[in-house]
């Protein structure tokens, strides 16, 4: 794990959270978020922090996908399929790319 780096201000922390929540809403694994709701819908709010912690720890994509698979199949009750796996991999890649571009070496 890399050093903790820059401590975010409250505003930066909120912006980072909103960005990842929006990616969750676009990913929408259970199919409940409408396109008009992408920025404000809180359906996946309780999962944002878990992914942010993994991103802060620079967890490999495979580890994040595995954690999401456990969440989606165990907690949410979805059936893991090739289509869901591909969507999850895209979500993880987008999350890691966005985090790495805008929020590297940051923490709250």
PDB file of N, CA and C in Angstrom:
ATOM      1  N   UNK A   1       0.840  -1.180   0.000  1.00  0.00           N
ATOM      2  CA  UNK A   1       0.000   0.000   0.000  1.00  0.00           C
ATOM      3  C   UNK A   1       0.877   1.232   0.000  1.00  0.00           C
ATOM      4  N   UNK A   2       0.539   2.170  -0.820  1.00  0.00           N
ATOM      5  CA  UNK A   2       1.306   3.407  -0.903  1.00  0.00           C
ATOM      6  C   UNK A   2       1.052   4.263   0.331  1.00  0.00           C
ATOM      7  N   UNK A   3       1.913   5.250   0.552  1.00  0.00           N
ATOM      8  CA  UNK A   3       1.720   6.175   1.656  1.00  0.00           C
ATOM      9  C   UNK A   3       0.398   6.911   1.510  1.00  0.00           C
ATOM     10  N   UNK A   4      -0.066   7.462   2.614  1.00  0.00           N
ATOM     11  CA  UNK A   4      -1.378   8.086   2.601  1.00  0.00           C
ATOM     12  C   UNK A   4      -1.468   9.326   1.736  1.00  0.00           C
ATOM     13  N   UNK A   5      -0.398  10.113   1.633  1.00  0.00           N
ATOM     14  CA  UNK A   5      -0.430  11.261   0.741  1.00  0.00           C
ATOM     15  C   UNK A   5      -1.281  12.398   1.267  1.00  0.00           C
ATOM     16  N   UNK A   6      -1.945  13.092   0.366  1.00  0.00           N
ATOM     17  CA  UNK A   6      -2.701  14.314   0.630  1.00  0.00           C
ATOM     18  C   UNK A   6      -4.022  14.033   1.349  1.00  0.00           C
ATOM     19  N   UNK A   7      -4.245  14.748   2.459  1.00  0.00           N
ATOM     20  CA  UNK A   7      -5.520  14.656   3.166  1.00  0.00           C
ATOM     21  C   UNK A   7      -6.504  15.605   2.502  1.00  0.00           C
ATOM     22  N   UNK A   8      -7.658  15.099   2.121  1.00  0.00           N
ATOM     23  CA  UNK A   8      -8.657  15.889   1.406  1.00  0.00           C
ATOM     24  C   UNK A   8      -9.411  16.832   2.331  1.00  0.00           C
ATOM     25  N   UNK A   9      -9.769  17.986   1.798  1.00  0.00           N
ATOM     26  CA  UNK A   9     -10.675  18.883   2.510  1.00  0.00           C
ATOM     27  C   UNK A   9     -12.071  18.265   2.475  1.00  0.00           C
ATOM     28  N   UNK A  10     -12.968  18.805   3.259  1.00  0.00           N
ATOM     29  CA  UNK A  10     -14.350  18.307   3.278  1.00  0.00           C
ATOM     30  C   UNK A  10     -14.976  18.419   1.892  1.00  0.00           C
ATOM     31  N   UNK A  11     -14.724  19.530   1.204  1.00  0.00           N
ATOM     32  CA  UNK A  11     -15.294  19.729  -0.133  1.00  0.00           C
ATOM     33  C   UNK A  11     -14.723  18.727  -1.141  1.00  0.00           C
ATOM     34  N   UNK A  12     -13.412  18.495  -1.070  1.00  0.00           N
ATOM     35  CA  UNK A  12     -12.786  17.523  -1.973  1.00  0.00           C
ATOM     36  C   UNK A  12     -13.315  16.116  -1.697  1.00  0.00           C
ATOM     37  N   UNK A  13     -13.448  15.784  -0.431  1.00  0.00           N
ATOM     38  CA  UNK A  13     -13.957  14.469  -0.055  1.00  0.00           C
ATOM     39  C   UNK A  13     -15.368  14.260  -0.586  1.00  0.00           C
ATOM     40  N   UNK A  14     -16.189  15.271  -0.468  1.00  0.00           N
ATOM     41  CA  UNK A  14     -17.571  15.185  -0.986  1.00  0.00           C
ATOM     42  C   UNK A  14     -17.581  15.053  -2.506  1.00  0.00           C
ATOM     43  N   UNK A  15     -16.707  15.782  -3.174  1.00  0.00           N
ATOM     44  CA  UNK A  15     -16.632  15.701  -4.640  1.00  0.00           C
ATOM     45  C   UNK A  15     -16.208  14.303  -5.072  1.00  0.00           C
ATOM     46  N   UNK A  16     -15.215  13.753  -4.403  1.00  0.00           N
ATOM     47  CA  UNK A  16     -14.736  12.401  -4.717  1.00  0.00           C
ATOM     48  C   UNK A  16     -15.859  11.384  -4.508  1.00  0.00           C
ATOM     49  N   UNK A  17     -16.585  11.529  -3.409  1.00  0.00           N
ATOM     50  CA  UNK A  17     -17.706  10.640  -3.101  1.00  0.00           C
ATOM     51  C   UNK A  17     -18.776  10.740  -4.183  1.00  0.00           C
ATOM     52  N   UNK A  18     -19.146  11.974  -4.565  1.00  0.00           N
ATOM     53  CA  UNK A  18     -20.172  12.175  -5.605  1.00  0.00           C
ATOM     54  C   UNK A  18     -19.765  11.531  -6.920  1.00  0.00           C
ATOM     55  N   UNK A  19     -18.496  11.696  -7.288  1.00  0.00           N
ATOM     56  CA  UNK A  19     -18.022  11.123  -8.550  1.00  0.00           C
ATOM     57  C   UNK A  19     -18.153   9.601  -8.554  1.00  0.00           C
ATOM     58  N   UNK A  20     -17.771   8.965  -7.451  1.00  0.00           N
ATOM     59  CA  UNK A  20     -17.878   7.508  -7.414  1.00  0.00           C
ATOM     60  C   UNK A  20     -19.338   7.064  -7.318  1.00  0.00           C
ATOM     61  N   UNK A  21     -20.174   7.816  -6.586  1.00  0.00           N
ATOM     62  CA  UNK A  21     -21.602   7.483  -6.525  1.00  0.00           C
ATOM     63  C   UNK A  21     -22.212   7.554  -7.917  1.00  0.00           C
ATOM     64  N   UNK A  22     -21.805   8.543  -8.705  1.00  0.00           N
ATOM     65  CA  UNK A  22     -22.336   8.657 -10.062  1.00  0.00           C
ATOM     66  C   UNK A  22     -21.904   7.462 -10.914  1.00  0.00           C
ATOM     67  N   UNK A  23     -20.656   7.024 -10.768  1.00  0.00           N
ATOM     68  CA  UNK A  23     -20.210   5.825 -11.489  1.00  0.00           C
ATOM     69  C   UNK A  23     -21.010   4.604 -11.053  1.00  0.00           C
ATOM     70  N   UNK A  24     -21.288   4.485  -9.755  1.00  0.00           N
ATOM     71  CA  UNK A  24     -22.131   3.383  -9.269  1.00  0.00           C
ATOM     72  C   UNK A  24     -23.505   3.449  -9.940  1.00  0.00           C
ATOM     73  N   UNK A  25     -24.075   4.657 -10.005  1.00  0.00           N
ATOM     74  CA  UNK A  25     -25.400   4.805 -10.595  1.00  0.00           C
ATOM     75  C   UNK A  25     -25.409   4.495 -12.082  1.00  0.00           C
ATOM     76  N   UNK A  26     -24.316   4.783 -12.774  1.00  0.00           N
ATOM     77  CA  UNK A  26     -24.217   4.407 -14.185  1.00  0.00           C
ATOM     78  C   UNK A  26     -24.074   2.893 -14.317  1.00  0.00           C
ATOM     79  N   UNK A  27     -23.303   2.301 -13.433  1.00  0.00           N
ATOM     80  CA  UNK A  27     -23.103   0.841 -13.398  1.00  0.00           C
ATOM     81  C   UNK A  27     -24.434   0.159 -13.084  1.00  0.00           C
ATOM     82  N   UNK A  28     -25.126   0.617 -12.063  1.00  0.00           N
ATOM     83  CA  UNK A  28     -26.486   0.199 -11.697  1.00  0.00           C
ATOM     84  C   UNK A  28     -26.722  -1.305 -11.842  1.00  0.00           C
ATOM     85  N   UNK A  29     -26.023  -2.121 -11.060  1.00  0.00           N
ATOM     86  CA  UNK A  29     -26.129  -3.566 -11.249  1.00  0.00           C
ATOM     87  C   UNK A  29     -27.520  -4.150 -11.025  1.00  0.00           C
ATOM     88  N   UNK A  30     -28.369  -3.476 -10.249  1.00  0.00           N
ATOM     89  CA  UNK A  30     -29.719  -4.026 -10.048  1.00  0.00           C
ATOM     90  C   UNK A  30     -30.763  -3.357 -10.939  1.00  0.00           C
ATOM     91  N   UNK A  31     -30.349  -2.362 -11.721  1.00  0.00           N
ATOM     92  CA  UNK A  31     -31.235  -1.778 -12.727  1.00  0.00           C
ATOM     93  C   UNK A  31     -32.351  -0.904 -12.187  1.00  0.00           C
ATOM     94  N   UNK A  32     -32.069  -0.059 -11.201  1.00  0.00           N
ATOM     95  CA  UNK A  32     -33.116   0.773 -10.614  1.00  0.00           C
ATOM     96  C   UNK A  32     -32.923   2.271 -10.809  1.00  0.00           C
ATOM     97  N   UNK A  33     -31.780   2.680 -11.350  1.00  0.00           N
ATOM     98  CA  UNK A  33     -31.481   4.105 -11.478  1.00  0.00           C
ATOM     99  C   UNK A  33     -31.837   4.573 -12.879  1.00  0.00           C
ATOM    100  N   UNK A  34     -32.656   5.592 -12.976  1.00  0.00           N
ATOM    101  CA  UNK A  34     -32.987   6.175 -14.271  1.00  0.00           C
ATOM    102  C   UNK A  34     -31.913   7.153 -14.707  1.00  0.00           C
ATOM    103  N   UNK A  35     -31.838   7.438 -15.994  1.00  0.00           N
ATOM    104  CA  UNK A  35     -30.792   8.322 -16.502  1.00  0.00           C
ATOM    105  C   UNK A  35     -30.906   9.734 -15.937  1.00  0.00           C
ATOM    106  N   UNK A  36     -32.093  10.190 -15.588  1.00  0.00           N
ATOM    107  CA  UNK A  36     -32.257  11.521 -15.003  1.00  0.00           C
ATOM    108  C   UNK A  36     -31.777  11.556 -13.558  1.00  0.00           C
ATOM    109  N   UNK A  37     -31.590  10.385 -12.967  1.00  0.00           N
ATOM    110  CA  UNK A  37     -31.254  10.244 -11.549  1.00  0.00           C
ATOM    111  C   UNK A  37     -29.780   9.956 -11.290  1.00  0.00           C
ATOM    112  N   UNK A  38     -28.947   9.947 -12.311  1.00  0.00           N
ATOM    113  CA  UNK A  38     -27.576   9.471 -12.156  1.00  0.00           C
ATOM    114  C   UNK A  38     -26.785  10.206 -11.078  1.00  0.00           C
ATOM    115  N   UNK A  39     -26.973  11.501 -10.977  1.00  0.00           N
ATOM    116  CA  UNK A  39     -26.164  12.267 -10.038  1.00  0.00           C
ATOM    117  C   UNK A  39     -26.710  12.225  -8.619  1.00  0.00           C
ATOM    118  N   UNK A  40     -28.015  12.109  -8.472  1.00  0.00           N
ATOM    119  CA  UNK A  40     -28.595  12.262  -7.140  1.00  0.00           C
ATOM    120  C   UNK A  40     -29.075  10.963  -6.500  1.00  0.00           C
ATOM    121  N   UNK A  41     -29.267   9.919  -7.244  1.00  0.00           N
ATOM    122  CA  UNK A  41     -29.808   8.688  -6.684  1.00  0.00           C
ATOM    123  C   UNK A  41     -28.854   8.104  -5.652  1.00  0.00           C
ATOM    124  N   UNK A  42     -29.391   7.712  -4.506  1.00  0.00           N
ATOM    125  CA  UNK A  42     -28.572   7.177  -3.422  1.00  0.00           C
ATOM    126  C   UNK A  42     -28.692   5.681  -3.238  1.00  0.00           C
ATOM    127  N   UNK A  43     -29.183   4.975  -4.241  1.00  0.00           N
ATOM    128  CA  UNK A  43     -29.392   3.523  -4.131  1.00  0.00           C
ATOM    129  C   UNK A  43     -28.132   2.785  -3.695  1.00  0.00           C
ATOM    130  N   UNK A  44     -26.992   3.186  -4.200  1.00  0.00           N
ATOM    131  CA  UNK A  44     -25.748   2.463  -3.926  1.00  0.00           C
ATOM    132  C   UNK A  44     -24.856   3.194  -2.925  1.00  0.00           C
ATOM    133  N   UNK A  45     -25.412   4.178  -2.240  1.00  0.00           N
ATOM    134  CA  UNK A  45     -24.657   5.026  -1.314  1.00  0.00           C
ATOM    135  C   UNK A  45     -23.846   4.214  -0.307  1.00  0.00           C
ATOM    136  N   UNK A  46     -24.424   3.153   0.209  1.00  0.00           N
ATOM    137  CA  UNK A  46     -23.739   2.390   1.264  1.00  0.00           C
ATOM    138  C   UNK A  46     -22.542   1.598   0.739  1.00  0.00           C
ATOM    139  N   UNK A  47     -22.372   1.502  -0.580  1.00  0.00           N
ATOM    140  CA  UNK A  47     -21.264   0.740  -1.148  1.00  0.00           C
ATOM    141  C   UNK A  47     -20.107   1.619  -1.626  1.00  0.00           C
ATOM    142  N   UNK A  48     -20.343   2.922  -1.711  1.00  0.00           N
ATOM    143  CA  UNK A  48     -19.323   3.837  -2.224  1.00  0.00           C
ATOM    144  C   UNK A  48     -18.071   3.799  -1.355  1.00  0.00           C
ATOM    145  N   UNK A  49     -18.243   3.855  -0.051  1.00  0.00           N
ATOM    146  CA  UNK A  49     -17.104   3.884   0.857  1.00  0.00           C
ATOM    147  C   UNK A  49     -16.214   2.664   0.742  1.00  0.00           C
ATOM    148  N   UNK A  50     -16.826   1.496   0.568  1.00  0.00           N
ATOM    149  CA  UNK A  50     -16.041   0.263   0.439  1.00  0.00           C
ATOM    150  C   UNK A  50     -15.116   0.330  -0.775  1.00  0.00           C
ATOM    151  N   UNK A  51     -15.643   0.804  -1.891  1.00  0.00           N
ATOM    152  CA  UNK A  51     -14.831   0.899  -3.101  1.00  0.00           C
ATOM    153  C   UNK A  51     -13.779   1.993  -2.951  1.00  0.00           C
ATOM    154  N   UNK A  52     -14.144   3.115  -2.328  1.00  0.00           N
ATOM    155  CA  UNK A  52     -13.159   4.178  -2.113  1.00  0.00           C
ATOM    156  C   UNK A  52     -11.982   3.687  -1.281  1.00  0.00           C
ATOM    157  N   UNK A  53     -12.244   2.909  -0.237  1.00  0.00           N
ATOM    158  CA  UNK A  53     -11.155   2.385   0.585  1.00  0.00           C
ATOM    159  C   UNK A  53     -10.224   1.509  -0.245  1.00  0.00           C
ATOM    160  N   UNK A  54     -10.800   0.680  -1.099  1.00  0.00           N
ATOM    161  CA  UNK A  54      -9.968  -0.166  -1.957  1.00  0.00           C
ATOM    162  C   UNK A  54      -9.144   0.671  -2.933  1.00  0.00           C
ATOM    163  N   UNK A  55      -9.742   1.724  -3.466  1.00  0.00           N
ATOM    164  CA  UNK A  55      -9.006   2.610  -4.368  1.00  0.00           C
ATOM    165  C   UNK A  55      -7.884   3.328  -3.632  1.00  0.00           C
ATOM    166  N   UNK A  56      -8.157   3.780  -2.411  1.00  0.00           N
ATOM    167  CA  UNK A  56      -7.113   4.430  -1.606  1.00  0.00           C
ATOM    168  C   UNK A  56      -5.947   3.477  -1.350  1.00  0.00           C
ATOM    169  N   UNK A  57      -6.251   2.206  -1.182  1.00  0.00           N
ATOM    170  CA  UNK A  57      -5.226   1.191  -0.906  1.00  0.00           C
ATOM    171  C   UNK A  57      -4.533   0.703  -2.174  1.00  0.00           C
ATOM    172  N   UNK A  58      -4.944   1.256  -3.323  1.00  0.00           N
ATOM    173  CA  UNK A  58      -4.405   0.843  -4.617  1.00  0.00           C
ATOM    174  C   UNK A  58      -4.584  -0.649  -4.851  1.00  0.00           C
ATOM    175  N   UNK A  59      -5.743  -1.154  -4.442  1.00  0.00           N
ATOM    176  CA  UNK A  59      -6.054  -2.569  -4.632  1.00  0.00           C
ATOM    177  C   UNK A  59      -6.085  -2.886  -6.124  1.00  0.00           C
ATOM    178  N   UNK A  60      -5.592  -4.061  -6.501  1.00  0.00           N
ATOM    179  CA  UNK A  60      -5.657  -4.459  -7.913  1.00  0.00           C
ATOM    180  C   UNK A  60      -7.116  -4.604  -8.370  1.00  0.00           C
ATOM    181  N   UNK A  61      -7.335  -4.401  -9.641  1.00  0.00           N
ATOM    182  CA  UNK A  61      -8.685  -4.502 -10.208  1.00  0.00           C
ATOM    183  C   UNK A  61      -9.334  -5.836  -9.861  1.00  0.00           C
ATOM    184  N   UNK A  62      -8.557  -6.923  -9.941  1.00  0.00           N
ATOM    185  CA  UNK A  62      -9.107  -8.256  -9.673  1.00  0.00           C
ATOM    186  C   UNK A  62      -9.651  -8.357  -8.252  1.00  0.00           C
ATOM    187  N   UNK A  63      -8.975  -7.722  -7.305  1.00  0.00           N
ATOM    188  CA  UNK A  63      -9.437  -7.747  -5.915  1.00  0.00           C
ATOM    189  C   UNK A  63     -10.749  -6.986  -5.760  1.00  0.00           C
ATOM    190  N   UNK A  64     -10.857  -5.850  -6.423  1.00  0.00           N
ATOM    191  CA  UNK A  64     -12.088  -5.066  -6.340  1.00  0.00           C
ATOM    192  C   UNK A  64     -13.234  -5.825  -6.998  1.00  0.00           C
ATOM    193  N   UNK A  65     -12.987  -6.440  -8.142  1.00  0.00           N
ATOM    194  CA  UNK A  65     -14.026  -7.234  -8.814  1.00  0.00           C
ATOM    195  C   UNK A  65     -14.480  -8.373  -7.905  1.00  0.00           C
ATOM    196  N   UNK A  66     -13.545  -9.051  -7.256  1.00  0.00           N
ATOM    197  CA  UNK A  66     -13.890 -10.152  -6.353  1.00  0.00           C
ATOM    198  C   UNK A  66     -14.763  -9.663  -5.209  1.00  0.00           C
ATOM    199  N   UNK A  67     -14.404  -8.525  -4.616  1.00  0.00           N
ATOM    200  CA  UNK A  67     -15.206  -7.964  -3.512  1.00  0.00           C
ATOM    201  C   UNK A  67     -16.605  -7.600  -4.002  1.00  0.00           C
ATOM    202  N   UNK A  68     -16.686  -7.015  -5.189  1.00  0.00           N
ATOM    203  CA  UNK A  68     -17.992  -6.660  -5.729  1.00  0.00           C
ATOM    204  C   UNK A  68     -18.815  -7.901  -6.052  1.00  0.00           C
ATOM    205  N   UNK A  69     -18.167  -8.937  -6.551  1.00  0.00           N
ATOM    206  CA  UNK A  69     -18.892 -10.181  -6.825  1.00  0.00           C
ATOM    207  C   UNK A  69     -19.488 -10.731  -5.531  1.00  0.00           C
ATOM    208  N   UNK A  70     -18.713 -10.713  -4.467  1.00  0.00           N
ATOM    209  CA  UNK A  70     -19.212 -11.179  -3.165  1.00  0.00           C
ATOM    210  C   UNK A  70     -20.393 -10.337  -2.703  1.00  0.00           C
ATOM    211  N   UNK A  71     -20.295  -9.036  -2.861  1.00  0.00           N
ATOM    212  CA  UNK A  71     -21.370  -8.131  -2.478  1.00  0.00           C
ATOM    213  C   UNK A  71     -22.622  -8.381  -3.322  1.00  0.00           C
ATOM    214  N   UNK A  72     -22.437  -8.439  -4.628  1.00  0.00           N
ATOM    215  CA  UNK A  72     -23.574  -8.563  -5.537  1.00  0.00           C
ATOM    216  C   UNK A  72     -24.286  -9.899  -5.399  1.00  0.00           C
ATOM    217  N   UNK A  73     -23.532 -10.965  -5.200  1.00  0.00           N
ATOM    218  CA  UNK A  73     -24.170 -12.288  -5.109  1.00  0.00           C
ATOM    219  C   UNK A  73     -24.585 -12.625  -3.684  1.00  0.00           C
ATOM    220  N   UNK A  74     -23.801 -12.213  -2.712  1.00  0.00           N
ATOM    221  CA  UNK A  74     -24.099 -12.553  -1.326  1.00  0.00           C
ATOM    222  C   UNK A  74     -25.090 -11.620  -0.670  1.00  0.00           C
ATOM    223  N   UNK A  75     -24.836 -10.334  -0.738  1.00  0.00           N
ATOM    224  CA  UNK A  75     -25.665  -9.350  -0.038  1.00  0.00           C
ATOM    225  C   UNK A  75     -26.887  -8.943  -0.863  1.00  0.00           C
ATOM    226  N   UNK A  76     -26.670  -8.656  -2.132  1.00  0.00           N
ATOM    227  CA  UNK A  76     -27.757  -8.167  -2.978  1.00  0.00           C
ATOM    228  C   UNK A  76     -28.572  -9.310  -3.571  1.00  0.00           C
ATOM    229  N   UNK A  77     -27.948 -10.474  -3.778  1.00  0.00           N
ATOM    230  CA  UNK A  77     -28.672 -11.643  -4.266  1.00  0.00           C
ATOM    231  C   UNK A  77     -28.723 -11.793  -5.772  1.00  0.00           C
ATOM    232  N   UNK A  78     -27.826 -11.129  -6.488  1.00  0.00           N
ATOM    233  CA  UNK A  78     -27.796 -11.279  -7.940  1.00  0.00           C
ATOM    234  C   UNK A  78     -27.094 -12.580  -8.327  1.00  0.00           C
ATOM    235  N   UNK A  79     -27.380 -13.045  -9.511  1.00  0.00           N
ATOM    236  CA  UNK A  79     -26.691 -14.201 -10.073  1.00  0.00           C
ATOM    237  C   UNK A  79     -25.522 -13.688 -10.897  1.00  0.00           C
ATOM    238  N   UNK A  80     -24.336 -14.212 -10.625  1.00  0.00           N
ATOM    239  CA  UNK A  80     -23.139 -13.813 -11.370  1.00  0.00           C
ATOM    240  C   UNK A  80     -23.217 -14.404 -12.761  1.00  0.00           C
ATOM    241  N   UNK A  81     -23.041 -13.585 -13.766  1.00  0.00           N
ATOM    242  CA  UNK A  81     -23.123 -14.014 -15.161  1.00  0.00           C
ATOM    243  C   UNK A  81     -21.977 -13.373 -15.928  1.00  0.00           C
ATOM    244  N   UNK A  82     -21.707 -13.869 -17.125  1.00  0.00           N
ATOM    245  CA  UNK A  82     -20.672 -13.228 -17.933  1.00  0.00           C
ATOM    246  C   UNK A  82     -20.967 -11.742 -18.196  1.00  0.00           C
ATOM    247  N   UNK A  83     -22.238 -11.411 -18.404  1.00  0.00           N
ATOM    248  CA  UNK A  83     -22.614 -10.018 -18.659  1.00  0.00           C
ATOM    249  C   UNK A  83     -22.376  -9.158 -17.421  1.00  0.00           C
ATOM    250  N   UNK A  84     -22.759  -9.642 -16.234  1.00  0.00           N
ATOM    251  CA  UNK A  84     -22.542  -8.890 -15.005  1.00  0.00           C
ATOM    252  C   UNK A  84     -21.051  -8.786 -14.702  1.00  0.00           C
ATOM    253  N   UNK A  85     -20.308  -9.844 -14.979  1.00  0.00           N
ATOM    254  CA  UNK A  85     -18.858  -9.810 -14.774  1.00  0.00           C
ATOM    255  C   UNK A  85     -18.224  -8.734 -15.659  1.00  0.00           C
ATOM    256  N   UNK A  86     -18.633  -8.664 -16.917  1.00  0.00           N
ATOM    257  CA  UNK A  86     -18.075  -7.672 -17.844  1.00  0.00           C
ATOM    258  C   UNK A  86     -18.442  -6.260 -17.403  1.00  0.00           C
ATOM    259  N   UNK A  87     -19.694  -6.060 -16.996  1.00  0.00           N
ATOM    260  CA  UNK A  87     -20.117  -4.737 -16.509  1.00  0.00           C
ATOM    261  C   UNK A  87     -19.349  -4.343 -15.255  1.00  0.00           C
ATOM    262  N   UNK A  88     -19.116  -5.306 -14.370  1.00  0.00           N
ATOM    263  CA  UNK A  88     -18.383  -5.043 -13.137  1.00  0.00           C
ATOM    264  C   UNK A  88     -16.936  -4.692 -13.440  1.00  0.00           C
ATOM    265  N   UNK A  89     -16.325  -5.413 -14.357  1.00  0.00           N
ATOM    266  CA  UNK A  89     -14.945  -5.107 -14.755  1.00  0.00           C
ATOM    267  C   UNK A  89     -14.840  -3.710 -15.357  1.00  0.00           C
ATOM    268  N   UNK A  90     -15.824  -3.306 -16.165  1.00  0.00           N
ATOM    269  CA  UNK A  90     -15.829  -1.954 -16.744  1.00  0.00           C
ATOM    270  C   UNK A  90     -15.989  -0.903 -15.640  1.00  0.00           C
ATOM    271  N   UNK A  91     -16.879  -1.157 -14.694  1.00  0.00           N
ATOM    272  CA  UNK A  91     -17.072  -0.235 -13.577  1.00  0.00           C
ATOM    273  C   UNK A  91     -15.778  -0.075 -12.781  1.00  0.00           C
ATOM    274  N   UNK A  92     -15.120  -1.171 -12.498  1.00  0.00           N
ATOM    275  CA  UNK A  92     -13.873  -1.121 -11.733  1.00  0.00           C
ATOM    276  C   UNK A  92     -12.801  -0.369 -12.516  1.00  0.00           C
ATOM    277  N   UNK A  93     -12.684  -0.635 -13.798  1.00  0.00           N
ATOM    278  CA  UNK A  93     -11.690   0.069 -14.619  1.00  0.00           C
ATOM    279  C   UNK A  93     -11.959   1.566 -14.639  1.00  0.00           C
ATOM    280  N   UNK A  94     -13.213   1.944 -14.831  1.00  0.00           N
ATOM    281  CA  UNK A  94     -13.566   3.369 -14.841  1.00  0.00           C
ATOM    282  C   UNK A  94     -13.299   4.005 -13.483  1.00  0.00           C
ATOM    283  N   UNK A  95     -13.605   3.296 -12.409  1.00  0.00           N
ATOM    284  CA  UNK A  95     -13.380   3.815 -11.056  1.00  0.00           C
ATOM    285  C   UNK A  95     -11.894   4.014 -10.803  1.00  0.00           C
ATOM    286  N   UNK A  96     -11.104   3.019 -11.158  1.00  0.00           N
ATOM    287  CA  UNK A  96      -9.652   3.108 -10.940  1.00  0.00           C
ATOM    288  C   UNK A  96      -9.032   4.199 -11.813  1.00  0.00           C
ATOM    289  N   UNK A  97      -9.470   4.296 -13.063  1.00  0.00           N
ATOM    290  CA  UNK A  97      -8.939   5.325 -13.961  1.00  0.00           C
ATOM    291  C   UNK A  97      -9.282   6.726 -13.450  1.00  0.00           C
ATOM    292  N   UNK A  98     -10.540   6.932 -13.085  1.00  0.00           N
ATOM    293  CA  UNK A  98     -10.967   8.236 -12.586  1.00  0.00           C
ATOM    294  C   UNK A  98     -10.278   8.609 -11.296  1.00  0.00           C
ATOM    295  N   UNK A  99     -10.179   7.655 -10.397  1.00  0.00           N
ATOM    296  CA  UNK A  99      -9.513   7.903  -9.122  1.00  0.00           C
ATOM    297  C   UNK A  99      -8.035   8.218  -9.352  1.00  0.00           C
ATOM    298  N   UNK A 100      -7.392   7.412 -10.174  1.00  0.00           N
ATOM    299  CA  UNK A 100      -5.968   7.611 -10.435  1.00  0.00           C
ATOM    300  C   UNK A 100      -5.665   8.933 -11.123  1.00  0.00           C
ATOM    301  N   UNK A 101      -6.575   9.391 -11.976  1.00  0.00           N
ATOM    302  CA  UNK A 101      -6.360  10.634 -12.694  1.00  0.00           C
ATOM    303  C   UNK A 101      -6.590  11.863 -11.811  1.00  0.00           C
ATOM    304  N   UNK A 102      -7.598  11.768 -10.947  1.00  0.00           N
ATOM    305  CA  UNK A 102      -7.988  12.960 -10.195  1.00  0.00           C
ATOM    306  C   UNK A 102      -7.635  12.920  -8.717  1.00  0.00           C
ATOM    307  N   UNK A 103      -7.595  11.720  -8.113  1.00  0.00           N
ATOM    308  CA  UNK A 103      -7.449  11.625  -6.671  1.00  0.00           C
ATOM    309  C   UNK A 103      -6.289  10.739  -6.208  1.00  0.00           C
ATOM    310  N   UNK A 104      -5.190  10.660  -6.933  1.00  0.00           N
ATOM    311  CA  UNK A 104      -4.112   9.768  -6.493  1.00  0.00           C
ATOM    312  C   UNK A 104      -3.534  10.233  -5.166  1.00  0.00           C
ATOM    313  N   UNK A 105      -3.134   9.271  -4.360  1.00  0.00           N
ATOM    314  CA  UNK A 105      -2.474   9.559  -3.075  1.00  0.00           C
ATOM    315  C   UNK A 105      -3.279  10.482  -2.190  1.00  0.00           C
ATOM    316  N   UNK A 106      -4.584  10.272  -2.131  1.00  0.00           N
ATOM    317  CA  UNK A 106      -5.443  11.082  -1.269  1.00  0.00           C
ATOM    318  C   UNK A 106      -6.159  10.202  -0.267  1.00  0.00           C
ATOM    319  N   UNK A 107      -6.590  10.804   0.803  1.00  0.00           N
ATOM    320  CA  UNK A 107      -7.360  10.101   1.832  1.00  0.00           C
ATOM    321  C   UNK A 107      -8.177  11.126   2.594  1.00  0.00           C
ATOM    322  N   UNK A 108      -9.134  10.634   3.390  1.00  0.00           N
ATOM    323  CA  UNK A 108      -9.957  11.504   4.230  1.00  0.00           C
ATOM    324  C   UNK A 108      -9.534  11.388   5.672  1.00  0.00           C
TER     325      UNK A 108
END
